[in-house]
C-alpha atoms as a PDB file:
ATOM      1  CA  MET A   1      25.548 -16.026  26.233  1.00  0.00           C
ATOM      2  CA  VAL A   2      22.753 -16.655  28.752  1.00  0.00           C
ATOM      3  CA  SER A   3      19.132 -15.868  27.947  1.00  0.00           C
ATOM      4  CA  SER A   4      18.858 -12.743  30.120  1.00  0.00           C
ATOM      5  CA  GLN A   5      21.988 -11.254  28.565  1.00  0.00           C
ATOM      6  CA  ARG A   6      20.700 -11.955  25.036  1.00  0.00           C
ATOM      7  CA  GLU A   7      17.388 -10.319  25.875  1.00  0.00           C
ATOM      8  CA  LYS A   8      19.185  -7.206  27.103  1.00  0.00           C
ATOM      9  CA  GLU A   9      21.267  -7.135  23.922  1.00  0.00           C
ATOM     10  CA  ILE A  10      18.109  -7.436  21.814  1.00  0.00           C
ATOM     11  CA  LEU A  11      16.480  -4.515  23.640  1.00  0.00           C
ATOM     12  CA  ASP A  12      19.643  -2.421  23.290  1.00  0.00           C
ATOM     13  CA  LEU A  13      19.711  -3.079  19.538  1.00  0.00           C
ATOM     14  CA  LEU A  14      16.020  -2.222  19.184  1.00  0.00           C
ATOM     15  CA  ALA A  15      16.490   0.989  21.167  1.00  0.00           C
ATOM     16  CA  VAL A  16      18.792   2.138  18.363  1.00  0.00           C
ATOM     17  CA  LYS A  17      17.325   0.465  15.251  1.00  0.00           C
ATOM     18  CA  LYS A  18      13.638   0.316  16.347  1.00  0.00           C
ATOM     19  CA  THR A  19      13.131  -2.729  14.099  1.00  0.00           C
ATOM     20  CA  ILE A  20      15.267  -5.812  13.452  1.00  0.00           C
ATOM     21  CA  THR A  21      15.029  -9.242  11.826  1.00  0.00           C
ATOM     22  CA  VAL A  22      15.674 -12.662  13.337  1.00  0.00           C
ATOM     23  CA  GLN A  23      18.492 -13.179  10.844  1.00  0.00           C
ATOM     24  CA  GLN A  24      20.196  -9.953  11.934  1.00  0.00           C
ATOM     25  CA  LEU A  25      19.920 -10.966  15.581  1.00  0.00           C
ATOM     26  CA  CYS A  26      21.367 -14.406  14.838  1.00  0.00           C
ATOM     27  CA  GLN A  27      24.397 -12.790  13.220  1.00  0.00           C
ATOM     28  CA  LYS A  28      24.942 -10.201  15.933  1.00  0.00           C
ATOM     29  CA  LEU A  29      24.361 -12.492  18.928  1.00  0.00           C
ATOM     30  CA  TYR A  30      25.823 -15.707  17.452  1.00  0.00           C
ATOM     31  CA  ALA A  31      22.672 -17.651  18.308  1.00  0.00           C
ATOM     32  CA  SER A  32      20.367 -19.969  16.384  1.00  0.00           C
ATOM     33  CA  SER A  33      17.076 -18.736  14.938  1.00  0.00           C
ATOM     34  CA  ALA A  34      15.163 -21.025  17.319  1.00  0.00           C
ATOM     35  CA  THR A  35      16.944 -19.469  20.304  1.00  0.00           C
ATOM     36  CA  ILE A  36      16.307 -15.923  19.083  1.00  0.00           C
ATOM     37  CA  ARG A  37      12.622 -16.649  18.488  1.00  0.00           C
ATOM     38  CA  ARG A  38      12.288 -17.989  22.046  1.00  0.00           C
ATOM     39  CA  ASP A  39      13.887 -14.808  23.361  1.00  0.00           C
ATOM     40  CA  LEU A  40      11.546 -12.657  21.288  1.00  0.00           C
ATOM     41  CA  THR A  41       8.539 -14.601  22.558  1.00  0.00           C
ATOM     42  CA  LYS A  42       9.602 -13.924  26.152  1.00  0.00           C
ATOM     43  CA  LEU A  43      10.154 -10.224  25.493  1.00  0.00           C
ATOM     44  CA  GLU A  44       6.796  -9.910  23.747  1.00  0.00           C
ATOM     45  CA  SER A  45       5.014 -11.610  26.670  1.00  0.00           C
ATOM     46  CA  ARG A  46       6.450  -8.899  28.922  1.00  0.00           C
ATOM     47  CA  GLY A  47       5.204  -6.171  26.597  1.00  0.00           C
ATOM     48  CA  LEU A  48       8.702  -4.958  25.684  1.00  0.00           C
ATOM     49  CA  ILE A  49       8.613  -5.735  21.943  1.00  0.00           C
ATOM     50  CA  ARG A  50       6.127  -6.583  19.210  1.00  0.00           C
ATOM     51  CA  ARG A  51       6.771  -9.541  16.930  1.00  0.00           C
ATOM     52  CA  THR A  52       6.590  -8.932  13.183  1.00  0.00           C
ATOM     53  CA  ARG A  53       6.920 -11.265  10.220  1.00  0.00           C
ATOM     54  CA  GLY A  54      10.566 -12.340  10.423  1.00  0.00           C
ATOM     55  CA  GLY A  55      11.597 -10.108  13.294  1.00  0.00           C
ATOM     56  CA  ALA A  56      10.509  -7.610  15.926  1.00  0.00           C
ATOM     57  CA  VAL A  57      10.005  -3.905  16.648  1.00  0.00           C
ATOM     58  CA  LEU A  58      10.310  -2.022  19.891  1.00  0.00           C
ATOM     59  CA  ALA A  59       6.943  -1.990  21.660  1.00  0.00           C
ATOM     60  CA  GLU A  60       4.905   1.166  21.353  1.00  0.00           C
ATOM     61  CA  GLY A  61       2.260   2.200  23.824  1.00  0.00           C
ATOM     62  CA  GLY A  62      -1.390   2.052  22.797  1.00  0.00           C
ATOM     63  CA  ASN A  63      -1.320   5.842  22.449  1.00  0.00           C
ATOM     64  CA  ASP A  64       1.875   6.004  20.334  1.00  0.00           C
ATOM     65  CA  GLU A  65       1.819   6.184  16.574  1.00  0.00           C
ATOM     66  CA  VAL A  66       4.101   3.614  14.961  1.00  0.00           C
ATOM     67  CA  SER A  67       6.369   4.935  12.223  1.00  0.00           C
ATOM     68  CA  VAL A  68       5.051   4.387   8.704  1.00  0.00           C
ATOM     69  CA  PHE A  69       8.403   2.834   7.793  1.00  0.00           C
ATOM     70  CA  GLU A  70       7.897   0.147  10.443  1.00  0.00           C
ATOM     71  CA  ARG A  71       4.263  -0.414   9.464  1.00  0.00           C
ATOM     72  CA  GLN A  72       5.150  -0.954   5.817  1.00  0.00           C
ATOM     73  CA  SER A  73       7.141  -4.077   6.705  1.00  0.00           C
ATOM     74  CA  GLU A  74       4.464  -5.590   8.944  1.00  0.00           C
ATOM     75  CA  ASN A  75       2.085  -8.146   7.392  1.00  0.00           C
ATOM     76  CA  ALA A  76       3.048  -6.937   3.913  1.00  0.00           C
ATOM     77  CA  LYS A  77       1.543  -9.943   2.122  1.00  0.00           C
ATOM     78  CA  GLU A  78      -1.749  -9.633   3.986  1.00  0.00           C
ATOM     79  CA  LYS A  79      -1.957  -5.888   3.345  1.00  0.00           C
ATOM     80  CA  SER A  80      -1.335  -6.406  -0.359  1.00  0.00           C
ATOM     81  CA  ALA A  81      -4.196  -8.921  -0.503  1.00  0.00           C
ATOM     82  CA  ILE A  82      -6.457  -6.413   1.248  1.00  0.00           C
ATOM     83  CA  GLY A  83      -5.393  -3.681  -1.168  1.00  0.00           C
ATOM     84  CA  ARG A  84      -6.205  -5.863  -4.159  1.00  0.00           C
ATOM     85  CA  LEU A  85      -9.711  -6.564  -2.850  1.00  0.00           C
ATOM     86  CA  ALA A  86     -10.271  -2.885  -2.066  1.00  0.00           C
ATOM     87  CA  SER A  87      -9.411  -1.936  -5.644  1.00  0.00           C
ATOM     88  CA  TYR A  88     -12.429  -3.897  -6.909  1.00  0.00           C
ATOM     89  CA  PHE A  89     -14.708  -1.301  -5.298  1.00  0.00           C
ATOM     90  CA  ILE A  90     -13.104   1.607  -7.174  1.00  0.00           C
ATOM     91  CA  LYS A  91     -14.598   2.209 -10.627  1.00  0.00           C
ATOM     92  CA  ASP A  92     -13.596   4.364 -13.589  1.00  0.00           C
ATOM     93  CA  GLY A  93     -14.324   8.039 -12.950  1.00  0.00           C
ATOM     94  CA  TYR A  94     -14.433   7.683  -9.146  1.00  0.00           C
ATOM     95  CA  THR A  95     -13.245  10.270  -6.646  1.00  0.00           C
ATOM     96  CA  VAL A  96     -11.709   8.546  -3.622  1.00  0.00           C
ATOM     97  CA  PHE A  97     -10.410   9.552  -0.193  1.00  0.00           C
ATOM     98  CA  MET A  98      -7.364   7.546   0.896  1.00  0.00           C
ATOM     99  CA  ASP A  99      -5.853   7.874   4.360  1.00  0.00           C
ATOM    100  CA  PRO A 100      -2.050   7.731   4.941  1.00  0.00           C
ATOM    101  CA  SER A 101      -1.970   4.215   6.400  1.00  0.00           C
ATOM    102  CA  SER A 102       0.365   1.527   5.069  1.00  0.00           C
ATOM    103  CA  THR A 103      -2.633  -0.748   4.433  1.00  0.00           C
ATOM    104  CA  VAL A 104      -4.495   1.793   2.304  1.00  0.00           C
ATOM    105  CA  CYS A 105      -1.264   2.642   0.468  1.00  0.00           C
ATOM    106  CA  CYS A 106      -1.088  -1.026  -0.597  1.00  0.00           C
ATOM    107  CA  THR A 107      -4.191  -0.358  -2.696  1.00  0.00           C
ATOM    108  CA  ALA A 108      -2.361   2.210  -4.851  1.00  0.00           C
ATOM    109  CA  PRO A 109      -0.621  -0.231  -7.255  1.00  0.00           C
ATOM    110  CA  PHE A 110      -3.963  -1.875  -8.037  1.00  0.00           C
ATOM    111  CA  LEU A 111      -5.569   1.489  -8.875  1.00  0.00           C
ATOM    112  CA  LEU A 112      -3.127   2.523 -11.581  1.00  0.00           C
ATOM    113  CA  SER A 113      -5.309   0.956 -14.282  1.00  0.00           C
ATOM    114  CA  VAL A 114      -8.470   2.799 -13.149  1.00  0.00           C
ATOM    115  CA  LYS A 115      -9.409   5.476 -15.686  1.00  0.00           C
ATOM    116  CA  ARG A 116     -10.199   9.077 -14.743  1.00  0.00           C
ATOM    117  CA  LEU A 117      -9.494   8.395 -11.090  1.00  0.00           C
ATOM    118  CA  THR A 118      -9.291  11.297  -8.645  1.00  0.00           C
ATOM    119  CA  VAL A 119      -7.740  10.728  -5.224  1.00  0.00           C
ATOM    120  CA  ILE A 120      -7.641  13.006  -2.187  1.00  0.00           C
ATOM    121  CA  THR A 121      -5.046  11.857   0.324  1.00  0.00           C
ATOM    122  CA  ASN A 122      -3.049  13.357   3.190  1.00  0.00           C
ATOM    123  CA  GLY A 123      -0.445  10.579   2.870  1.00  0.00           C
ATOM    124  CA  LEU A 124       2.824  11.384   1.099  1.00  0.00           C
ATOM    125  CA  HIS A 125       3.599   7.701   0.401  1.00  0.00           C
ATOM    126  CA  CYS A 126       0.144   7.196  -1.072  1.00  0.00           C
ATOM    127  CA  ALA A 127       0.375  10.274  -3.297  1.00  0.00           C
ATOM    128  CA  LEU A 128       3.785   9.254  -4.641  1.00  0.00           C
ATOM    129  CA  ALA A 129       2.625   5.687  -5.319  1.00  0.00           C
ATOM    130  CA  LEU A 130      -0.379   6.969  -7.270  1.00  0.00           C
ATOM    131  CA  SER A 131       1.735   9.432  -9.238  1.00  0.00           C
ATOM    132  CA  ALA A 132       3.242   6.435 -11.072  1.00  0.00           C
ATOM    133  CA  GLY A 133       0.027   6.206 -13.090  1.00  0.00           C
ATOM    134  CA  SER A 134      -0.831   8.756 -15.751  1.00  0.00           C
ATOM    135  CA  GLY A 135      -4.584   8.312 -15.330  1.00  0.00           C
ATOM    136  CA  CYS A 136      -4.803   9.455 -11.712  1.00  0.00           C
ATOM    137  CA  GLU A 137      -5.305  13.024 -10.525  1.00  0.00           C
ATOM    138  CA  VAL A 138      -4.092  13.486  -6.934  1.00  0.00           C
ATOM    139  CA  TYR A 139      -5.074  16.233  -4.500  1.00  0.00           C
ATOM    140  CA  MET A 140      -3.338  16.807  -1.166  1.00  0.00           C
ATOM    141  CA  PRO A 141      -4.780  18.982   1.606  1.00  0.00           C
ATOM    142  CA  ALA A 142      -2.863  21.683   3.421  1.00  0.00           C
ATOM    143  CA  GLY A 143      -1.434  20.900   6.820  1.00  0.00           C
ATOM    144  CA  ARG A 144       1.509  20.175   9.066  1.00  0.00           C
ATOM    145  CA  LEU A 145       3.826  17.311   8.111  1.00  0.00           C
ATOM    146  CA  LEU A 146       3.952  14.491  10.658  1.00  0.00           C
ATOM    147  CA  THR A 147       7.231  12.678  10.112  1.00  0.00           C
ATOM    148  CA  ARG A 148       6.299   9.407  11.857  1.00  0.00           C
ATOM    149  CA  SER A 149       3.225   8.829   9.712  1.00  0.00           C
ATOM    150  CA  ASN A 150       4.591  10.743   6.692  1.00  0.00           C
ATOM    151  CA  SER A 151       1.259  12.530   6.455  1.00  0.00           C
ATOM    152  CA  LEU A 152      -0.336  15.960   6.690  1.00  0.00           C
ATOM    153  CA  ALA A 153      -2.501  16.782   9.676  1.00  0.00           C
ATOM    154  CA  GLY A 154      -3.961  19.602  11.730  1.00  0.00           C
ATOM    155  CA  SER A 155      -6.795  22.114  11.484  1.00  0.00           C
ATOM    156  CA  ASP A 156      -5.753  23.202   7.972  1.00  0.00           C
ATOM    157  CA  THR A 157      -5.973  19.575   6.808  1.00  0.00           C
ATOM    158  CA  LEU A 158      -9.474  19.175   8.210  1.00  0.00           C
ATOM    159  CA  SER A 159     -10.562  22.438   6.630  1.00  0.00           C
ATOM    160  CA  SER A 160      -9.147  21.397   3.243  1.00  0.00           C
ATOM    161  CA  LEU A 161     -10.794  17.973   3.340  1.00  0.00           C
ATOM    162  CA  SER A 162     -14.190  19.491   4.159  1.00  0.00           C
ATOM    163  CA  GLY A 163     -14.182  21.048   0.701  1.00  0.00           C
ATOM    164  CA  PHE A 164     -14.122  17.676  -1.089  1.00  0.00           C
ATOM    165  CA  CYS A 165     -16.776  15.017  -1.655  1.00  0.00           C
ATOM    166  CA  ALA A 166     -16.020  11.480  -2.852  1.00  0.00           C
ATOM    167  CA  ASP A 167     -17.616   8.322  -4.162  1.00  0.00           C
ATOM    168  CA  ALA A 168     -15.664   6.226  -1.656  1.00  0.00           C
ATOM    169  CA  ALA A 169     -13.337   6.500   1.316  1.00  0.00           C
ATOM    170  CA  LEU A 170     -10.608   3.932   1.977  1.00  0.00           C
ATOM    171  CA  VAL A 171      -9.392   4.151   5.572  1.00  0.00           C
ATOM    172  CA  SER A 172      -7.573   1.808   7.898  1.00  0.00           C
ATOM    173  CA  CYS A 173      -7.275   1.740  11.685  1.00  0.00           C
ATOM    174  CA  SER A 174      -4.903   0.863  14.507  1.00  0.00           C
ATOM    175  CA  GLY A 175      -7.583  -0.837  16.563  1.00  0.00           C
ATOM    176  CA  LEU A 176     -10.940  -2.512  15.920  1.00  0.00           C
ATOM    177  CA  SER A 177     -13.046  -3.465  18.924  1.00  0.00           C
ATOM    178  CA  LEU A 178     -16.665  -4.581  19.093  1.00  0.00           C
ATOM    179  CA  LYS A 179     -16.983  -2.765  22.412  1.00  0.00           C
ATOM    180  CA  VAL A 180     -15.383   0.564  21.456  1.00  0.00           C
ATOM    181  CA  GLY A 181     -15.276   0.684  17.661  1.00  0.00           C
ATOM    182  CA  VAL A 182     -12.509   1.956  15.399  1.00  0.00           C
ATOM    183  CA  THR A 183      -9.601   3.674  17.159  1.00  0.00           C
ATOM    184  CA  GLU A 184      -6.283   5.426  16.461  1.00  0.00           C
ATOM    185  CA  PRO A 185      -3.240   6.379  18.571  1.00  0.00           C
ATOM    186  CA  THR A 186      -3.764  10.112  17.923  1.00  0.00           C
ATOM    187  CA  VAL A 187      -6.752  12.441  17.932  1.00  0.00           C
ATOM    188  CA  GLU A 188      -5.473  14.152  14.771  1.00  0.00           C
ATOM    189  CA  GLN A 189      -5.602  10.984  12.680  1.00  0.00           C
ATOM    190  CA  SER A 190      -9.037  10.039  14.049  1.00  0.00           C
ATOM    191  CA  ARG A 191     -10.480  13.427  13.113  1.00  0.00           C
ATOM    192  CA  ILE A 192      -9.018  13.328   9.618  1.00  0.00           C
ATOM    193  CA  LYS A 193     -10.327   9.824   8.933  1.00  0.00           C
ATOM    194  CA  LEU A 194     -13.760  10.730  10.276  1.00  0.00           C
ATOM    195  CA  GLN A 195     -13.829  13.811   8.037  1.00  0.00           C
ATOM    196  CA  MET A 196     -13.070  11.628   5.013  1.00  0.00           C
ATOM    197  CA  LEU A 197     -15.825   9.210   5.977  1.00  0.00           C
ATOM    198  CA  LYS A 198     -18.381  11.985   6.437  1.00  0.00           C
ATOM    199  CA  GLN A 199     -17.684  13.303   2.928  1.00  0.00           C
ATOM    200  CA  ALA A 200     -17.862   9.917   1.152  1.00  0.00           C
ATOM    201  CA  LYS A 201     -20.802   7.914  -0.185  1.00  0.00           C
ATOM    202  CA  THR A 202     -19.277   4.465   0.341  1.00  0.00           C
ATOM    203  CA  LYS A 203     -17.206   3.888   3.456  1.00  0.00           C
ATOM    204  CA  ILE A 204     -14.646   1.063   3.393  1.00  0.00           C
ATOM    205  CA  LEU A 205     -12.460  -0.062   6.305  1.00  0.00           C
ATOM    206  CA  LEU A 206      -9.217  -1.881   5.475  1.00  0.00           C
ATOM    207  CA  CYS A 207      -7.978  -3.819   8.499  1.00  0.00           C
ATOM    208  CA  ASP A 208      -5.789  -6.902   8.872  1.00  0.00           C
ATOM    209  CA  HIS A 209      -6.525  -9.448  11.603  1.00  0.00           C
ATOM    210  CA  THR A 210      -3.799  -8.151  13.973  1.00  0.00           C
ATOM    211  CA  LYS A 211      -5.947  -5.061  14.689  1.00  0.00           C
ATOM    212  CA  PHE A 212      -8.969  -7.069  15.896  1.00  0.00           C
ATOM    213  CA  GLY A 213      -9.590  -6.596  19.609  1.00  0.00           C
ATOM    214  CA  ARG A 214      -7.062  -3.790  19.953  1.00  0.00           C
ATOM    215  CA  ILE A 215      -8.117  -0.454  21.490  1.00  0.00           C
ATOM    216  CA  CYS A 216      -6.119   2.760  21.025  1.00  0.00           C
ATOM    217  CA  MET A 217      -6.557   6.125  22.705  1.00  0.00           C
ATOM    218  CA  SER A 218      -8.682   8.017  20.190  1.00  0.00           C
ATOM    219  CA  LYS A 219     -12.022   6.730  18.919  1.00  0.00           C
ATOM    220  CA  THR A 220     -12.667   7.459  15.243  1.00  0.00           C
ATOM    221  CA  CYS A 221     -16.190   6.065  14.894  1.00  0.00           C
ATOM    222  CA  ASP A 222     -18.463   3.088  15.487  1.00  0.00           C
ATOM    223  CA  ILE A 223     -18.079   0.020  13.276  1.00  0.00           C
ATOM    224  CA  GLY A 224     -21.602   0.510  11.962  1.00  0.00           C
ATOM    225  CA  LEU A 225     -20.522   3.614  10.043  1.00  0.00           C
ATOM    226  CA  PHE A 226     -18.788   1.414   7.466  1.00  0.00           C
ATOM    227  CA  ASP A 227     -20.404  -0.261   4.490  1.00  0.00           C
ATOM    228  CA  TYR A 228     -17.567  -2.778   4.101  1.00  0.00           C
ATOM    229  CA  LEU A 229     -14.741  -4.262   6.152  1.00  0.00           C
ATOM    230  CA  ILE A 230     -11.957  -5.720   4.014  1.00  0.00           C
ATOM    231  CA  THR A 231      -9.568  -7.967   5.908  1.00  0.00           C
ATOM    232  CA  ASP A 232      -7.096 -10.801   5.295  1.00  0.00           C
ATOM    233  CA  ILE A 233      -8.890 -13.697   7.027  1.00  0.00           C
ATOM    234  CA  ARG A 234     -12.447 -14.418   8.083  1.00  0.00           C
ATOM    235  CA  PRO A 235     -12.987 -12.952  11.576  1.00  0.00           C
ATOM    236  CA  GLU A 236     -14.402 -14.986  14.449  1.00  0.00           C
ATOM    237  CA  GLU A 237     -18.125 -15.657  14.260  1.00  0.00           C
ATOM    238  CA  GLU A 238     -18.856 -13.183  17.063  1.00  0.00           C
ATOM    239  CA  VAL A 239     -17.180 -10.406  15.070  1.00  0.00           C
ATOM    240  CA  CYS A 240     -18.904 -11.404  11.821  1.00  0.00           C
ATOM    241  CA  ALA A 241     -22.321 -11.457  13.461  1.00  0.00           C
ATOM    242  CA  ALA A 242     -21.813  -8.090  15.162  1.00  0.00           C
ATOM    243  CA  LEU A 243     -20.629  -6.352  11.988  1.00  0.00           C
ATOM    244  CA  GLU A 244     -23.316  -7.828   9.788  1.00  0.00           C
ATOM    245  CA  ALA A 245     -25.977  -6.828  12.332  1.00  0.00           C
ATOM    246  CA  GLN A 246     -24.780  -3.231  11.925  1.00  0.00           C
ATOM    247  CA  GLY A 247     -24.955  -3.402   8.142  1.00  0.00           C
ATOM    248  CA  CYS A 248     -21.223  -3.798   7.528  1.00  0.00           C
ATOM    249  CA  GLU A 249     -20.371  -6.446   4.915  1.00  0.00           C
ATOM    250  CA  ILE A 250     -17.144  -8.420   5.468  1.00  0.00           C
ATOM    251  CA  VAL A 251     -14.838  -9.124   2.525  1.00  0.00           C
ATOM    252  CA  TYR A 252     -11.751 -11.364   2.695  1.00  0.00           C
ATOM    253  CA  PRO A 253      -9.674 -13.493   0.297  1.00  0.00           C
ATOM    254  CA  GLU A 254     -10.799 -17.007  -0.553  1.00  0.00           C
ATOM    255  CA  ARG A 255      -8.367 -19.645   0.696  1.00  0.00           C
END
């Protein structure tokens, strides 16, 4: 099978499955992993797909919200490391806002040992993960269910959240740009995250390195609103200097 035909087959498979692994493509197209990876590199360079760890997903526009099920499989190891670091900021007796992002949800397993923890979240995955611990009290706001993000959103959600105050807010983002700030694919998610941040004493951004430099349609806030940025690797010096100048401390795992 020639390269162009394989690329078409890959796109056809992704149109149906949305996400696929290199191993699955090797089996379906009877090609080596090296060949498949070259094809994926070409397709990504043309903006047709996005590479993930071990595979690819169909490319989404900068204004499209990627399904939570796809996001959960992306950079899972890095997100878990971020979640572990974020848990160190949550103390016994805290009340915490947690957004519905896959990155913030990775914090949940590390919070199960926190005593007298109260969490307000609009994320169904996050609420279910926290329900595994007996010491956590979970509140969910009213709102309309968004199936792609598996979260609650809308005017009722904003109104519900405005009635809570918290010691800390854990939020993630789809894009982090020095020029624009923190952005999301939808206005609804930006407004909800900003509401959480406004009602919290300590504001913590959880963001893996793949979001650096990316700009989505809806601006949530400036970087300077955050007290901490927790990420998986040390950002470039330009990013570090800009964040620290705005009072945002950067936290990342030691290598």
